[in-house]
Every structure is written in structure tokens, then in C-alpha cells.
Amino acid sequence: MVTTSFPTTQGVLLAGGLARRMGGGDKPMRIIGGRTILERVIARLSPQCTGLILNANGDPARFAAFGLQVVADDVPGFPGPLAGILAALDWTAANRPEVEWVLSAAGDCPFLPRNLVARLQEERIAANAELAVAASGSQSHPVIGLWRVSLRDELRHALVVEDLRKIDRWTTRYPLATVTWPTEPLDPFFNANTAEDIAEAERLAALDAAS
């Protein structure tokens, strides 16, 4: 584990989506450049976090080869990524009580920045913010962000009582740092949502390997 000057950060890979645009199945299990997308995400984030867990619903055995603890949503009805973030906050509070921060990342983003956690933490601290999310170009990526574990009860209330679903509606309630990365030579937050995106990811993987 790399020694850092920012707070210890637990990582969670969000893979709980239903992949409707790919006809179902697990998007992170698609192959690009000879490796699954999930392998690529794990390789990017493992050096940046004190540990990684995987948020996914259904049979966890399908992810056994990756060696990660699989944590399912405990809010019914597949309410979206906020439920996965809540599951990670609850897991961290129960299993890593010394850790105050969780990084969430989409399990279908194979080119995540190698300085993702460092920049989010540094700019959150500089802004004295409660939360931090990533952006590239002019687009925010709220599913990729830092979450304070102590906010888990407030998040549960928003999800269960208020039926709140959109991450950016929840983040507006707190001081927020938005941290922007360049999109050249490639957008580090490119995600593979469709079959066409897989073909584009193959091209980008070659650029990424050369960077």
C-alpha cells in the first residue's frame, strides 16, 4: 500500500446496474484489450485505496475470481448507485471503523486516473468540503466520488424516506468539491455503456497503454 498524506480511503466498485443497453449481464465482465473491464478498474484503484469491495446484486459467485468482498444493496428495488454507495458506507462502518472516507467508482470505467483518490482528497481538503466528485471536460461524474462514512444515516433517510435517487440531488445538500480531469488523449471516465462503446474502448486501450 502506498503511503499518502491524505486520509485512508476505502474503495467500492459499483457493479449493481442491470446493463439494459447491453441486453443484460455484467458490463464490467466485458473484455477489452484481452482483460475484463473489472480487472482494469481493480488494477487502477488497488494502489490508491486501503482496500476494495464490490457492490453487486444477485449471485456473488460470478465475481469470485476477482477476490473482492461482494456487498449487495440492502435498499430494495434497485434504486441506483446511491444504494451501492450506502452499502459501502455501512460495510466500512462495520468492518473498517477507523476509515472515514469511501471512494466510489463505476465498475465499467476502465481508464480511471491513477491519481483519482489523491486529487479528490486534496481538493476536498483545500475546499473544506464534505464530499468530492470527479468531472472531465464540462461533464460531472457524480458516481465517481468521495463520501464521508458518517453521512450514511442521512443518505439512508434520503433513499428510504424521501425516495431520492439521483446522486447530484443528494450532493447539493453538502459542501462539494468538483475535481476536473482533461479529456485528452482520452477521457479517463469513459464508460462502456453499449456494444459500440466496447469497440471504442478497444481503440482507447491502445492509447492508454501508450500514455
Protein backbone atom coordinates (compact mmCIF):
# COMPACT_ATOMS: atom_id res chain seq x y z
CA MET A 1 0.00 0.00 0.00
CA VAL A 2 1.31 3.44 -0.95
CA THR A 3 1.95 5.87 1.90
CA THR A 4 -0.07 9.04 1.38
CA SER A 5 -0.64 12.37 3.09
CA PHE A 6 -4.43 12.20 2.75
CA PRO A 7 -6.93 10.22 4.85
CA THR A 8 -7.17 6.46 4.46
CA THR A 9 -9.77 5.69 1.80
CA GLN A 10 -11.81 2.54 1.24
CA GLY A 11 -12.79 1.86 -2.36
CA VAL A 12 -16.04 0.45 -3.72
CA LEU A 13 -16.61 -0.60 -7.32
CA LEU A 14 -20.23 -0.14 -8.30
CA ALA A 15 -21.42 -3.02 -10.46
CA GLY A 16 -25.04 -3.24 -9.36
CA GLY A 17 -26.58 -1.94 -12.60
CA LEU A 18 -28.78 -4.03 -14.87
CA ALA A 19 -26.88 -3.27 -18.14
CA ARG A 20 -30.11 -2.87 -20.13
CA ARG A 21 -28.30 -1.12 -23.01
CA MET A 22 -26.15 -4.23 -23.46
CA GLY A 23 -29.09 -6.60 -23.22
CA GLY A 24 -28.45 -7.50 -19.60
CA GLY A 25 -25.43 -9.08 -17.95
CA ASP A 26 -22.49 -7.56 -16.14
CA LYS A 27 -20.84 -4.73 -18.06
CA PRO A 28 -17.61 -4.96 -16.02
CA MET A 29 -17.11 -8.54 -17.26
CA ARG A 30 -16.80 -7.45 -20.89
CA ILE A 31 -13.34 -7.94 -22.41
CA ILE A 32 -11.25 -5.11 -23.85
CA GLY A 33 -7.63 -5.47 -24.82
CA GLY A 34 -7.57 -9.05 -23.55
CA ARG A 35 -8.68 -8.14 -19.99
CA THR A 36 -12.07 -7.66 -18.39
CA ILE A 37 -13.08 -4.09 -17.67
CA LEU A 38 -13.30 -5.02 -14.00
CA GLU A 39 -9.69 -6.25 -14.00
CA ARG A 40 -8.64 -2.90 -15.38
CA VAL A 41 -10.63 -0.97 -12.76
CA ILE A 42 -9.16 -3.06 -9.93
CA ALA A 43 -5.65 -2.52 -11.26
CA ARG A 44 -6.18 1.25 -11.33
CA LEU A 45 -7.71 1.61 -7.89
CA SER A 46 -5.94 -1.02 -5.78
CA PRO A 47 -2.78 1.10 -5.34
CA GLN A 48 -4.89 4.14 -4.40
CA CYS A 49 -7.14 2.64 -1.71
CA THR A 50 -6.59 0.81 1.56
CA GLY A 51 -8.91 -1.90 0.24
CA LEU A 52 -11.58 -2.57 -2.39
CA ILE A 53 -15.04 -4.07 -2.19
CA LEU A 54 -17.52 -4.73 -4.99
CA ASN A 55 -21.14 -3.62 -4.85
CA ALA A 56 -23.24 -6.04 -6.89
CA ASN A 57 -26.62 -7.71 -6.63
CA GLY A 58 -27.52 -11.30 -7.48
CA ASP A 59 -25.23 -14.30 -7.11
CA PRO A 60 -21.84 -13.06 -5.82
CA ALA A 61 -20.13 -16.25 -7.04
CA ARG A 62 -19.85 -14.81 -10.55
CA PHE A 63 -17.21 -12.42 -9.24
CA ALA A 64 -15.28 -14.99 -7.20
CA ALA A 65 -12.24 -14.92 -9.49
CA PHE A 66 -11.54 -11.29 -8.58
CA GLY A 67 -11.05 -11.95 -4.87
CA LEU A 68 -13.12 -9.00 -3.67
CA GLN A 69 -15.75 -8.92 -0.94
CA VAL A 70 -19.12 -8.55 -2.67
CA VAL A 71 -21.62 -6.31 -0.88
CA ALA A 72 -25.21 -6.17 -2.10
CA ASP A 73 -27.69 -3.30 -1.77
CA ASP A 74 -29.90 -3.54 1.28
CA VAL A 75 -32.41 -1.00 -0.06
CA PRO A 76 -34.89 -2.97 -2.19
CA GLY A 77 -35.96 -2.24 -5.75
CA PHE A 78 -32.57 -1.49 -7.38
CA PRO A 79 -32.74 2.23 -6.56
CA GLY A 80 -29.46 3.00 -8.31
CA PRO A 81 -25.88 3.90 -7.41
CA LEU A 82 -26.78 5.74 -4.22
CA ALA A 83 -27.85 2.39 -2.77
CA GLY A 84 -24.46 0.94 -3.67
CA ILE A 85 -22.70 3.87 -2.03
CA LEU A 86 -24.83 3.41 1.09
CA ALA A 87 -23.99 -0.31 1.18
CA ALA A 88 -20.30 0.58 1.02
CA LEU A 89 -20.59 3.18 3.78
CA ASP A 90 -22.39 0.68 6.02
CA TRP A 91 -19.83 -2.04 5.25
CA THR A 92 -16.96 0.29 6.03
CA ALA A 93 -18.51 1.43 9.31
CA ALA A 94 -18.94 -2.21 10.37
CA ASN A 95 -15.65 -3.64 9.10
CA ARG A 96 -13.22 -0.73 8.92
CA PRO A 97 -14.37 1.62 11.69
CA GLU A 98 -11.10 3.55 11.58
CA VAL A 99 -11.76 4.61 7.95
CA GLU A 100 -13.71 7.85 7.46
CA TRP A 101 -13.85 8.01 3.65
CA VAL A 102 -15.12 5.81 0.82
CA LEU A 103 -14.27 6.29 -2.83
CA SER A 104 -16.93 5.06 -5.25
CA ALA A 105 -16.15 4.28 -8.87
CA ALA A 106 -18.17 2.80 -11.69
CA GLY A 107 -17.19 -0.77 -12.46
CA ASP A 108 -17.36 -0.06 -16.20
CA CYS A 109 -14.74 2.74 -16.37
CA PRO A 110 -11.53 1.03 -17.48
CA PHE A 111 -9.29 4.10 -17.74
CA LEU A 112 -9.67 5.74 -14.32
CA PRO A 113 -6.94 8.23 -13.35
CA ARG A 114 -4.00 6.89 -11.38
CA ASN A 115 -4.23 9.98 -9.16
CA LEU A 116 -8.00 9.81 -8.64
CA VAL A 117 -8.04 9.41 -4.85
CA ALA A 118 -5.15 11.82 -4.27
CA ARG A 119 -6.71 14.67 -6.25
CA LEU A 120 -10.21 14.17 -4.86
CA GLN A 121 -8.89 14.15 -1.30
CA GLU A 122 -6.52 17.07 -1.82
CA GLU A 123 -9.13 19.30 -3.41
CA ARG A 124 -11.81 18.28 -0.92
CA ILE A 125 -9.48 19.26 1.91
CA ALA A 126 -8.50 22.53 0.21
CA ALA A 127 -12.17 23.44 -0.27
CA ASN A 128 -13.16 22.24 3.23
CA ALA A 129 -15.87 20.20 1.51
CA GLU A 130 -17.94 17.30 2.83
CA LEU A 131 -17.93 15.44 -0.49
CA ALA A 132 -15.95 15.41 -3.74
CA VAL A 133 -16.87 14.22 -7.22
CA ALA A 134 -14.97 13.82 -10.46
CA ALA A 135 -15.51 15.66 -13.74
CA SER A 136 -13.94 15.72 -17.17
CA GLY A 137 -14.34 18.46 -19.69
CA SER A 138 -17.67 20.07 -18.82
CA GLN A 139 -19.31 16.87 -17.56
CA SER A 140 -19.63 15.87 -13.92
CA HIS A 141 -19.40 12.19 -12.97
CA PRO A 142 -21.09 12.04 -9.56
CA VAL A 143 -20.91 8.24 -9.34
CA ILE A 144 -17.14 8.68 -9.03
CA GLY A 145 -16.55 10.47 -5.76
CA LEU A 146 -15.58 10.60 -2.11
CA TRP A 147 -18.18 10.03 0.59
CA ARG A 148 -17.87 10.59 4.32
CA VAL A 149 -18.86 7.43 6.20
CA SER A 150 -20.55 9.47 8.94
CA LEU A 151 -23.19 10.65 6.41
CA ARG A 152 -24.58 7.15 5.96
CA ASP A 153 -27.65 7.67 8.17
CA GLU A 154 -28.54 10.84 6.27
CA LEU A 155 -28.13 9.00 2.99
CA ARG A 156 -30.32 6.13 4.17
CA HIS A 157 -33.03 8.61 5.15
CA ALA A 158 -32.83 10.26 1.72
CA LEU A 159 -33.12 6.92 -0.06
CA VAL A 160 -35.72 5.17 2.08
CA VAL A 161 -37.88 8.00 3.39
CA GLU A 162 -37.53 10.63 0.67
CA ASP A 163 -37.19 8.16 -2.24
CA LEU A 164 -34.30 10.23 -3.57
CA ARG A 165 -32.48 8.52 -6.45
CA LYS A 166 -30.17 10.99 -8.20
CA ILE A 167 -26.69 11.40 -6.77
CA ASP A 168 -26.41 15.05 -7.79
CA ARG A 169 -29.62 15.89 -5.93
CA TRP A 170 -28.11 14.48 -2.74
CA THR A 171 -24.71 16.13 -3.16
CA THR A 172 -26.31 19.60 -3.40
CA ARG A 173 -27.09 19.31 0.32
CA TYR A 174 -23.40 19.44 1.29
CA PRO A 175 -20.29 21.50 0.53
CA LEU A 176 -18.97 19.79 -2.60
CA ALA A 177 -15.63 19.84 -4.39
CA THR A 178 -15.77 19.05 -8.11
CA VAL A 179 -12.40 17.97 -9.49
CA THR A 180 -11.85 18.11 -13.26
CA TRP A 181 -9.52 15.98 -15.39
CA PRO A 182 -8.57 16.66 -19.04
CA THR A 183 -10.16 14.58 -21.80
CA GLU A 184 -7.01 14.27 -23.93
CA PRO A 185 -5.53 11.94 -25.02
CA LEU A 186 -8.61 10.16 -23.65
CA ASP A 187 -11.38 10.79 -21.19
CA PRO A 188 -10.38 8.89 -18.02
CA PHE A 189 -14.06 8.47 -17.14
CA PHE A 190 -15.10 6.87 -20.43
CA ASN A 191 -17.56 4.13 -19.59
CA ALA A 192 -18.72 1.20 -21.67
CA ASN A 193 -22.50 1.50 -21.79
CA THR A 194 -23.22 -0.02 -25.18
CA ALA A 195 -21.79 -2.63 -27.53
CA GLU A 196 -20.46 0.25 -29.67
CA ASP A 197 -18.62 1.59 -26.61
CA ILE A 198 -16.74 -1.70 -26.33
CA ALA A 199 -15.33 -1.19 -29.81
CA GLU A 200 -14.29 2.34 -28.89
CA ALA A 201 -12.76 1.06 -25.66
CA GLU A 202 -10.52 -1.27 -27.65
CA ARG A 203 -9.12 1.75 -29.51
CA LEU A 204 -8.72 3.75 -26.31
CA ALA A 205 -6.98 0.85 -24.56
CA ALA A 206 -4.14 1.16 -27.05
CA LEU A 207 -3.86 4.89 -26.33
CA ASP A 208 -3.97 4.24 -22.61
CA ALA A 209 -1.20 1.66 -22.80
CA ALA A 210 0.98 4.18 -24.59
CA SER A 211 0.36 7.00 -22.10
